[in-house]
Amino acid sequence: MSVDPYTPFNDTLDEIINETPERAAAVAKMLAEVDEERRAYRMNLATIRKAAELTQADIAARLGTTQSAVSRAEQRGDMLYSTLLAYLRAAGAQDAALTVTVGGRRVEVLLSDAAQAA
């Protein structure tokens, strides 16, 4: 397939994705998985807030920001450690940590340490 320099990139990308039904299905599956991961991430921040029996307005007041900024933060796909830590502290979390398993070993990093190192 040759790329026409006058064709908008999104159109070219759509052509490439839809070149075969198999490719289109694979891309659709990947997009669905990414969307599910993003939904779970957003739900987790809101779940933490709700577990603390707080509203977005409560968190906003504690952070000195607006409710809409808290809503946007809950919907983001990523954020800085320092921003996440501030959100978690506003929700009342203590000793917030990231826990991962690497090579069969559980490793925990305090979010406050990660935020300072970043």
Protein backbone atom coordinates (compact mmCIF):
# COMPACT_ATOMS: atom_id res chain seq x y z
CA MET A 1 0.00 0.00 0.00
CA SER A 2 1.43 3.38 -0.93
CA VAL A 3 0.69 6.34 1.29
CA ASP A 4 -0.76 9.43 -0.36
CA PRO A 5 0.82 12.48 1.34
CA TYR A 6 -2.46 14.37 0.94
CA THR A 7 -4.54 11.78 2.79
CA PRO A 8 -5.12 12.58 6.46
CA PHE A 9 -3.14 10.20 8.67
CA ASN A 10 -6.26 8.87 10.42
CA ASP A 11 -7.69 7.82 7.05
CA THR A 12 -4.43 6.07 6.16
CA LEU A 13 -4.37 4.37 9.55
CA ASP A 14 -7.97 3.21 9.11
CA GLU A 15 -7.06 1.72 5.72
CA ILE A 16 -4.10 -0.13 7.22
CA ILE A 17 -6.14 -1.45 10.14
CA ASN A 18 -9.01 -2.55 7.93
CA GLU A 19 -6.83 -4.07 5.20
CA THR A 20 -7.84 -7.57 6.35
CA PRO A 21 -10.71 -8.73 8.57
CA GLU A 22 -8.20 -10.52 10.81
CA ARG A 23 -6.18 -7.34 11.38
CA ALA A 24 -9.32 -5.30 12.03
CA ALA A 25 -10.50 -7.89 14.58
CA ALA A 26 -7.10 -7.98 16.29
CA VAL A 27 -6.98 -4.19 16.57
CA ALA A 28 -10.56 -4.09 17.87
CA LYS A 29 -9.66 -6.67 20.51
CA MET A 30 -6.58 -4.69 21.59
CA LEU A 31 -8.57 -1.45 21.81
CA ALA A 32 -11.24 -3.19 23.92
CA GLU A 33 -8.56 -4.52 26.29
CA VAL A 34 -6.98 -1.08 26.65
CA ASP A 35 -10.40 0.48 27.26
CA GLU A 36 -11.13 -2.13 29.95
CA GLU A 37 -7.81 -1.45 31.67
CA ARG A 38 -8.47 2.29 31.63
CA ARG A 39 -11.99 1.73 33.00
CA ALA A 40 -10.62 -0.42 35.83
CA TYR A 41 -8.01 2.23 36.65
CA ARG A 42 -10.62 4.98 36.78
CA MET A 43 -12.89 2.78 38.87
CA ASN A 44 -10.10 2.10 41.36
CA LEU A 45 -9.48 5.77 42.17
CA ALA A 46 -13.20 6.35 42.56
CA THR A 47 -13.46 3.15 44.62
CA ILE A 48 -10.79 4.43 47.02
CA ARG A 49 -12.63 7.74 47.35
CA LYS A 50 -15.96 5.99 47.91
CA ALA A 51 -14.42 3.62 50.48
CA ALA A 52 -13.40 6.75 52.39
CA GLU A 53 -17.03 7.91 52.08
CA LEU A 54 -15.95 11.07 50.30
CA THR A 55 -17.31 12.89 47.29
CA GLN A 56 -15.27 14.42 44.51
CA ALA A 57 -16.09 17.80 46.06
CA ASP A 58 -14.64 16.61 49.40
CA ILE A 59 -11.41 15.51 47.72
CA ALA A 60 -11.29 18.79 45.77
CA ALA A 61 -11.63 20.83 48.96
CA ARG A 62 -8.81 18.88 50.59
CA LEU A 63 -6.59 19.37 47.54
CA GLY A 64 -7.51 23.03 47.05
CA THR A 65 -8.84 22.39 43.55
CA THR A 66 -12.18 21.94 41.81
CA GLN A 67 -14.52 18.98 41.65
CA SER A 68 -14.08 18.89 37.87
CA ALA A 69 -10.29 18.58 38.30
CA VAL A 70 -10.83 15.59 40.61
CA SER A 71 -13.21 14.06 38.07
CA ARG A 72 -10.59 14.48 35.34
CA ALA A 73 -7.93 12.92 37.58
CA GLU A 74 -10.17 9.91 38.18
CA GLN A 75 -10.58 9.49 34.42
CA ARG A 76 -6.91 9.89 33.44
CA GLY A 77 -5.00 6.99 32.00
CA ASP A 78 -1.85 8.00 33.86
CA MET A 79 -0.58 10.52 36.36
CA LEU A 80 2.55 11.54 38.22
CA TYR A 81 3.36 9.69 41.43
CA SER A 82 3.15 12.98 43.31
CA THR A 83 -0.34 13.65 41.97
CA LEU A 84 -1.48 10.14 42.84
CA LEU A 85 0.01 10.46 46.30
CA ALA A 86 -1.75 13.79 46.90
CA TYR A 87 -5.07 12.26 45.78
CA LEU A 88 -4.59 9.23 48.04
CA ARG A 89 -3.63 11.37 51.02
CA ALA A 90 -6.70 13.55 50.42
CA ALA A 91 -8.77 10.35 50.53
CA GLY A 92 -7.17 9.52 53.88
CA ALA A 93 -4.75 6.83 52.72
CA GLN A 94 -1.69 6.23 54.86
CA ASP A 95 1.52 4.55 53.78
CA ALA A 96 0.41 4.30 50.13
CA ALA A 97 2.63 1.83 48.29
CA LEU A 98 3.13 0.26 44.90
CA THR A 99 3.42 -3.51 45.06
CA VAL A 100 4.67 -5.58 42.15
CA THR A 101 5.94 -9.09 41.64
CA VAL A 102 9.27 -9.33 39.83
CA GLY A 103 10.94 -12.67 39.22
CA GLY A 104 8.59 -14.30 41.70
CA ARG A 105 9.47 -11.81 44.45
CA ARG A 106 7.08 -9.23 45.83
CA VAL A 107 8.55 -5.74 45.88
CA GLU A 108 6.89 -2.82 47.64
CA VAL A 109 7.83 0.81 47.09
CA LEU A 110 6.31 3.57 49.20
CA LEU A 111 4.62 6.04 46.91
CA SER A 112 6.15 8.93 48.87
CA ASP A 113 9.63 7.57 48.05
CA ALA A 114 8.71 7.11 44.39
CA ALA A 115 7.31 10.65 44.19
CA GLN A 116 10.52 12.11 45.63
CA ALA A 117 12.72 10.10 43.26
CA ALA A 118 10.75 11.10 40.16
